[in-house]
Protein backbone atom coordinates (compact mmCIF):
# COMPACT_ATOMS: atom_id res chain seq x y z
CA UNK A 1 7.54 -36.31 6.47
CA UNK A 2 6.58 -32.90 5.39
CA UNK A 3 5.74 -34.65 2.20
CA UNK A 4 2.72 -37.59 4.29
CA UNK A 5 1.81 -34.14 5.89
CA UNK A 6 0.72 -32.10 2.83
CA UNK A 7 -0.84 -35.55 1.48
CA UNK A 8 -2.95 -35.61 5.23
CA UNK A 9 -4.04 -31.90 4.35
CA UNK A 10 -5.02 -33.16 0.89
CA UNK A 11 -7.15 -35.35 2.12
CA UNK A 12 -9.36 -32.96 3.89
CA UNK A 13 -9.59 -30.75 0.83
CA UNK A 14 -11.68 -33.90 -0.29
CA UNK A 15 -12.33 -33.20 -4.48
CA UNK A 16 -11.53 -29.35 -4.37
CA UNK A 17 -8.71 -29.38 -7.25
CA UNK A 18 -7.90 -25.42 -7.18
CA UNK A 19 -7.10 -25.47 -3.41
CA UNK A 20 -5.33 -28.41 -3.58
CA UNK A 21 -3.07 -26.68 -6.14
CA UNK A 22 -2.74 -23.84 -4.42
CA UNK A 23 -1.97 -26.25 -1.10
CA UNK A 24 0.81 -28.02 -3.58
CA UNK A 25 2.71 -24.31 -5.12
CA UNK A 26 2.55 -23.02 -1.39
CA UNK A 27 4.21 -25.74 0.27
CA UNK A 28 6.95 -26.11 -2.95
CA UNK A 29 8.64 -22.99 -1.12
CA UNK A 30 9.18 -24.81 1.71
CA UNK A 31 9.83 -27.78 0.58
CA UNK A 32 12.35 -27.14 -1.41
CA UNK A 33 13.38 -23.98 -0.84
CA UNK A 34 12.43 -22.14 -3.65
CA UNK A 35 11.94 -18.77 -4.23
CA UNK A 36 8.06 -19.23 -6.74
CA UNK A 37 6.26 -21.74 -7.80
CA UNK A 38 3.27 -22.63 -10.61
CA UNK A 39 1.25 -25.21 -11.84
CA UNK A 40 0.77 -24.20 -14.97
CA UNK A 41 -1.24 -26.61 -17.46
CA UNK A 42 -1.66 -27.17 -20.99
CA UNK A 43 -4.29 -25.27 -22.87
CA UNK A 44 -4.17 -25.58 -26.85
CA UNK A 45 -0.92 -24.13 -27.65
CA UNK A 46 -0.65 -22.34 -24.29
CA UNK A 47 0.73 -23.11 -20.94
CA UNK A 48 -1.80 -21.30 -18.57
CA UNK A 49 -0.34 -20.12 -14.73
CA UNK A 50 -3.32 -22.36 -12.95
CA UNK A 51 -1.40 -22.06 -8.99
CA UNK A 52 1.11 -19.56 -8.17
CA UNK A 53 2.85 -18.88 -4.93
CA UNK A 54 5.80 -16.85 -3.39
CA UNK A 55 7.85 -14.67 -6.35
CA UNK A 56 4.91 -16.15 -9.13
CA UNK A 57 2.51 -15.16 -6.76
CA UNK A 58 1.14 -12.27 -9.14
CA UNK A 59 1.48 -14.34 -12.38
CA UNK A 60 -1.43 -16.54 -11.92
CA UNK A 61 -3.52 -16.72 -15.63
CA UNK A 62 -0.80 -15.71 -16.96
CA UNK A 63 0.12 -17.43 -20.95
CA UNK A 64 3.58 -18.66 -22.64
CA UNK A 65 3.75 -20.60 -25.69
CA UNK A 66 3.79 -24.25 -25.01
CA UNK A 67 6.59 -24.35 -28.01
CA UNK A 68 9.32 -22.07 -26.99
CA UNK A 69 8.75 -22.95 -23.41
CA UNK A 70 10.73 -25.43 -20.25
CA UNK A 71 6.85 -26.38 -18.96
CA UNK A 72 5.78 -27.11 -22.98
CA UNK A 73 8.94 -29.27 -23.56
CA UNK A 74 8.06 -31.17 -20.26
CA UNK A 75 4.63 -31.85 -21.27
CA UNK A 76 5.18 -33.24 -25.02
CA UNK A 77 8.18 -35.19 -23.74
CA UNK A 78 7.02 -36.23 -20.48
CA UNK A 79 9.78 -35.91 -18.50
CA UNK A 80 11.66 -33.68 -15.55
CA UNK A 81 13.79 -31.03 -17.07
CA UNK A 82 16.59 -28.69 -14.28
CA UNK A 83 17.20 -25.59 -15.89
CA UNK A 84 20.13 -24.46 -13.64
CA UNK A 85 20.83 -20.69 -15.76
CA UNK A 86 17.96 -19.49 -18.00
CA UNK A 87 19.86 -17.11 -18.79
CA UNK A 88 21.85 -19.47 -21.42
CA UNK A 89 19.38 -22.04 -21.56
CA UNK A 90 17.98 -21.92 -24.99
CA UNK A 91 14.89 -24.10 -24.03
CA UNK A 92 13.19 -21.49 -22.18
CA UNK A 93 10.98 -18.71 -22.68
CA UNK A 94 13.57 -16.12 -21.44
CA UNK A 95 11.13 -13.14 -21.33
CA UNK A 96 8.46 -15.08 -19.76
CA UNK A 97 11.55 -16.15 -17.37
CA UNK A 98 13.22 -12.40 -16.98
CA UNK A 99 9.35 -11.00 -16.31
CA UNK A 100 8.49 -13.71 -12.61
CA UNK A 101 12.11 -12.85 -12.29
CA UNK A 102 13.66 -16.67 -12.02
CA UNK A 103 16.98 -17.58 -12.94
CA UNK A 104 16.77 -21.24 -12.44
CA UNK A 105 14.13 -24.13 -11.96
CA UNK A 106 12.63 -27.40 -11.68
CA UNK A 107 9.55 -28.91 -14.25
CA UNK A 108 8.29 -31.46 -13.36
CA UNK A 109 5.49 -33.24 -15.74
CA UNK A 110 2.10 -34.04 -14.67
CA UNK A 111 -0.04 -36.87 -15.43
CA UNK A 112 -3.47 -37.43 -15.92
CA UNK A 113 -5.47 -40.59 -17.14
CA UNK A 114 -2.21 -41.45 -19.30
CA UNK A 115 -1.29 -38.25 -20.50
CA UNK A 116 0.68 -35.41 -19.28
CA UNK A 117 -1.28 -32.92 -19.07
CA UNK A 118 0.69 -29.56 -17.17
CA UNK A 119 3.80 -28.99 -15.00
CA UNK A 120 4.40 -28.19 -11.35
CA UNK A 121 7.06 -25.93 -11.45
CA UNK A 122 9.88 -24.43 -8.73
CA UNK A 123 11.88 -21.47 -9.26
CA UNK A 124 14.87 -19.76 -8.36
CA UNK A 125 15.87 -15.81 -8.73
CA UNK A 126 19.55 -17.81 -8.03
CA UNK A 127 21.71 -19.88 -10.57
CA UNK A 128 21.97 -24.01 -9.62
CA UNK A 129 19.50 -23.45 -6.74
CA UNK A 130 18.27 -27.13 -7.19
CA UNK A 131 19.55 -30.58 -6.24
CA UNK A 132 18.86 -34.43 -7.54
CA UNK A 133 17.34 -34.24 -3.85
CA UNK A 134 14.96 -31.53 -4.64
CA UNK A 135 14.20 -33.13 -7.69
CA UNK A 136 13.33 -36.52 -5.83
CA UNK A 137 10.88 -34.66 -3.54
CA UNK A 138 8.81 -32.24 -6.20
CA UNK A 139 7.90 -36.04 -7.65
CA UNK A 140 6.67 -37.09 -4.87
CA UNK A 141 4.31 -34.35 -5.07
CA UNK A 142 3.60 -34.21 -8.71
CA UNK A 143 2.08 -37.37 -8.10
CA UNK A 144 0.24 -36.43 -4.98
CA UNK A 145 -0.84 -33.88 -7.26
CA UNK A 146 -2.06 -36.50 -10.46
CA UNK A 147 -4.59 -38.63 -7.98
CA UNK A 148 -5.49 -35.12 -6.61
CA UNK A 149 -6.75 -34.78 -10.68
CA UNK A 150 -7.77 -38.19 -11.12
CA UNK A 151 -10.41 -38.43 -8.40
CA UNK A 152 -11.49 -34.41 -8.92
CA UNK A 153 -12.88 -35.24 -12.46
CA UNK A 154 -13.66 -39.71 -11.75
CA UNK A 155 -16.68 -39.43 -13.09
CA UNK A 156 -15.96 -37.27 -15.77
CA UNK A 157 -12.59 -36.85 -17.47
CA UNK A 158 -12.80 -33.97 -19.23
CA UNK A 159 -14.08 -32.31 -15.66
CA UNK A 160 -10.46 -31.54 -15.38
CA UNK A 161 -10.04 -28.05 -16.55
CA UNK A 162 -12.61 -27.26 -15.61
CA UNK A 163 -11.72 -28.70 -12.33
CA UNK A 164 -8.54 -26.75 -12.43
CA UNK A 165 -10.52 -23.00 -13.21
CA UNK A 166 -14.03 -22.67 -11.44
CA UNK A 167 -14.55 -22.56 -7.37
CA UNK A 168 -16.12 -25.69 -5.97
CA UNK A 169 -18.43 -24.33 -3.45
CA UNK A 170 -20.02 -21.87 -5.85
CA UNK A 171 -19.18 -23.17 -9.57
CA UNK A 172 -18.06 -19.58 -10.43
CA UNK A 173 -14.94 -19.07 -12.12
CA UNK A 174 -11.83 -19.13 -9.63
CA UNK A 175 -9.10 -16.65 -9.00
CA UNK A 176 -7.18 -18.20 -11.78
CA UNK A 177 -9.64 -18.20 -14.54
CA UNK A 178 -10.65 -14.29 -13.14
CA UNK A 179 -7.00 -13.22 -13.58
CA UNK A 180 -6.74 -15.22 -17.33
CA UNK A 181 -9.99 -13.38 -18.84
CA UNK A 182 -8.39 -10.10 -17.07
CA UNK A 183 -5.10 -10.62 -19.23
CA UNK A 184 -7.15 -11.71 -21.99
CA UNK A 185 -8.88 -7.90 -21.54
CA UNK A 186 -5.89 -6.39 -22.07
CA UNK A 187 -3.70 -7.92 -24.21
CA UNK A 188 -6.72 -7.32 -26.67
CA UNK A 189 -7.74 -3.56 -25.74
CA UNK A 190 -4.81 -2.68 -28.32
CA UNK A 191 -7.13 -4.67 -31.15
CA UNK A 192 -10.86 -4.67 -29.99
CA UNK A 193 -11.15 -0.96 -28.40
CA UNK A 194 -13.84 -2.66 -25.47
CA UNK A 195 -14.16 -0.57 -22.36
CA UNK A 196 -14.45 -3.00 -19.32
CA UNK A 197 -15.55 -2.62 -15.81
CA UNK A 198 -13.46 -4.28 -12.73
CA UNK A 199 -15.86 -5.05 -9.75
CA UNK A 200 -14.90 -6.15 -6.20
CA UNK A 201 -17.65 -7.38 -4.22
CA UNK A 202 -17.41 -8.41 -0.51
CA UNK A 203 -20.03 -9.87 1.52
CA UNK A 204 -20.89 -7.99 4.39
CA UNK A 205 -21.28 -10.06 8.45
CA UNK A 206 -19.80 -13.40 7.07
CA UNK A 207 -16.83 -13.94 9.89
CA UNK A 208 -20.06 -12.82 12.18
CA UNK A 209 -22.16 -15.73 10.78
CA UNK A 210 -19.75 -18.42 10.70
CA UNK A 211 -18.74 -17.61 14.18
CA UNK A 212 -21.98 -17.49 15.41
CA UNK A 213 -23.63 -20.24 13.27
CA UNK A 214 -20.92 -22.33 12.17
CA UNK A 215 -19.57 -22.98 8.85
CA UNK A 216 -22.44 -24.47 7.22
CA UNK A 217 -24.62 -21.39 7.63
CA UNK A 218 -21.96 -19.28 6.18
CA UNK A 219 -21.44 -21.48 3.10
CA UNK A 220 -25.01 -20.78 2.52
CA UNK A 221 -24.19 -17.49 2.57
CA UNK A 222 -21.72 -17.43 0.15
CA UNK A 223 -23.77 -19.94 -2.38
CA UNK A 224 -27.05 -17.67 -2.17
CA UNK A 225 -24.58 -14.18 -3.18
CA UNK A 226 -22.89 -16.54 -5.99
CA UNK A 227 -26.32 -17.66 -7.32
CA UNK A 228 -27.40 -13.97 -7.22
CA UNK A 229 -24.84 -12.13 -8.69
CA UNK A 230 -25.03 -14.72 -11.62
CA UNK A 231 -28.73 -13.83 -12.06
CA UNK A 232 -27.59 -9.86 -12.33
CA UNK A 233 -24.34 -10.95 -14.76
CA UNK A 234 -24.77 -10.78 -18.23
CA UNK A 235 -23.25 -13.99 -20.24
CA UNK A 236 -20.35 -11.95 -21.63
CA UNK A 237 -19.28 -10.96 -18.15
CA UNK A 238 -17.11 -13.03 -15.48
CA UNK A 239 -18.12 -13.14 -12.20
CA UNK A 240 -15.83 -14.89 -9.99
CA UNK A 241 -15.00 -15.94 -6.42
CA UNK A 242 -11.95 -15.15 -5.11
CA UNK A 243 -11.62 -16.37 -1.78
CA UNK A 244 -13.29 -16.79 1.45
CA UNK A 245 -16.13 -13.96 0.89
CA UNK A 246 -14.56 -12.33 -1.49
CA UNK A 247 -15.92 -11.74 -5.28
CA UNK A 248 -14.56 -10.45 -8.32
CA UNK A 249 -16.64 -9.31 -11.65
CA UNK A 250 -15.31 -7.92 -15.05
CA UNK A 251 -18.16 -6.41 -17.34
CA UNK A 252 -17.59 -6.45 -20.51
CA UNK A 253 -18.81 -4.51 -23.00
CA UNK A 254 -19.55 -1.79 -20.88
CA UNK A 255 -20.75 1.64 -20.62
CA UNK A 256 -18.44 3.81 -19.18
CA UNK A 257 -19.13 5.36 -15.31
CA UNK A 258 -23.12 4.98 -15.85
CA UNK A 259 -22.73 1.86 -17.08
CA UNK A 260 -21.02 0.21 -13.92
CA UNK A 261 -23.10 1.84 -11.22
CA UNK A 262 -26.11 0.67 -13.46
CA UNK A 263 -24.39 -2.94 -12.23
CA UNK A 264 -23.70 -1.99 -9.30
CA UNK A 265 -27.32 -0.86 -8.40
CA UNK A 266 -28.32 -4.38 -9.33
CA UNK A 267 -26.33 -6.24 -7.22
CA UNK A 268 -26.77 -3.74 -4.54
CA UNK A 269 -30.71 -4.64 -5.31
CA UNK A 270 -29.99 -8.45 -5.93
CA UNK A 271 -28.28 -8.71 -2.20
CA UNK A 272 -30.27 -6.95 -0.32
CA UNK A 273 -33.74 -9.19 0.61
CA UNK A 274 -33.35 -11.63 2.94
CA UNK A 275 -32.49 -15.55 2.54
CA UNK A 276 -33.98 -18.72 4.90
CA UNK A 277 -31.13 -21.46 5.85
CA UNK A 278 -32.29 -23.83 8.64
CA UNK A 279 -35.45 -22.09 10.03
CA UNK A 280 -33.24 -18.74 10.25
CA UNK A 281 -33.82 -15.44 8.56
CA UNK A 282 -30.03 -14.04 7.76
CA UNK A 283 -29.64 -10.42 6.02
CA UNK A 284 -27.62 -10.18 2.73
CA UNK A 285 -25.90 -7.21 1.47
CA UNK A 286 -22.23 -6.60 -0.53
CA UNK A 287 -19.22 -3.73 -0.34
CA UNK A 288 -18.89 -3.07 -3.35
CA UNK A 289 -15.44 -0.83 -5.62
CA UNK A 290 -15.63 -0.27 -9.25
CA UNK A 291 -12.54 0.22 -11.79
CA UNK A 292 -12.70 1.63 -15.43
CA UNK A 293 -10.52 -0.09 -17.65
CA UNK A 294 -8.93 1.11 -20.04
CA UNK A 295 -9.70 5.15 -18.47
CA UNK A 296 -8.20 4.77 -15.17
CA UNK A 297 -5.84 2.37 -16.02
CA UNK A 298 -4.68 -0.30 -18.47
CA UNK A 299 -2.37 -2.38 -15.71
CA UNK A 300 -4.45 -5.46 -13.91
CA UNK A 301 -2.66 -5.04 -10.88
CA UNK A 302 -3.29 -1.21 -10.63
CA UNK A 303 -7.06 -2.12 -11.71
CA UNK A 304 -7.50 -4.65 -8.68
CA UNK A 305 -6.11 -2.17 -6.05
CA UNK A 306 -7.91 0.76 -7.80
CA UNK A 307 -11.46 -1.28 -7.01
CA UNK A 308 -10.22 -2.95 -3.94
CA UNK A 309 -9.74 0.50 -1.68
CA UNK A 310 -12.88 1.75 -2.58
CA UNK A 311 -14.96 -1.67 -1.70
CA UNK A 312 -12.96 -0.83 1.45
CA UNK A 313 -14.23 2.39 1.79
CA UNK A 314 -17.24 1.58 1.10
CA UNK A 315 -17.45 -0.79 3.71
CA UNK A 316 -15.92 1.18 6.35
CA UNK A 317 -18.26 3.78 5.62
CA UNK A 318 -21.42 1.28 6.24
CA UNK A 319 -19.76 -0.94 8.85
CA UNK A 320 -22.56 0.17 11.59
CA UNK A 321 -25.13 -0.10 9.07
CA UNK A 322 -24.21 -3.89 7.40
CA UNK A 323 -24.36 -5.98 10.22
CA UNK A 324 -26.12 -9.17 9.29
CA UNK A 325 -30.22 -9.14 10.90
CA UNK A 326 -31.37 -12.88 11.81
CA UNK A 327 -34.12 -13.70 13.31
């Protein structure tokens, strides 16, 4: 019955593959009592965490080598694999397992257009946590994800990885790709010594627009903001919709302090002018917080936390002055 419920929720999401994958990982936790779950897609010689939940949530965008991981083996063999204890299983990437905090797991291959393109993984912090019944339930979920992949890319089979890494409403990078790019930036720092700026951007007044004029107007506001962010960004930057009214940007390379502030000023100016939707005028504005890499931190979570805190400080200071103006 829970599988049927999940299928109904997926049908409501339509062709939004990132949210389908996120829904499946979220529901895997309660379905089989897993501590964590992930959907990993095979990209080149790596497996990349493209949707995560539970204990694996912070690992989105993580890359592991296919050749020495259980996920990579499942992709090569196209078969479901079970590890009862990762500490004694030579097939697993033990360092990756310890990073996520798992002791046992089920790895279920995901099939798309006749090829194995990734895995659905359920994880537990305890050894021997899963039973045969859990494998059967997870297999049903993997079939649902495979069907979603097919329909999301029905008209262009090459779109699978684009669909999995981009926001369907705006066309911007999604949270998974944003975190992937951040991990790449930090891992390459020792070699390339690139300075970067991390921005967290929150639209002001979206909830009021949704409540007063409906989600079509709210979606129009999100798309308008996304288009303006694209205009400000350089080709080397990454702009992402992280969810709801929250956006993120990775500015790389960038001059520290003044370079980041110049971009914030351009975004503020670009989002200051109103836009039209269905014969109404809506005022755009955004609250922006920044963190400097590597001056302030080289840790991804700390950089995001710093930028988030500063964004919310800006939002609190300007709360009374940033209500949307609608005529």
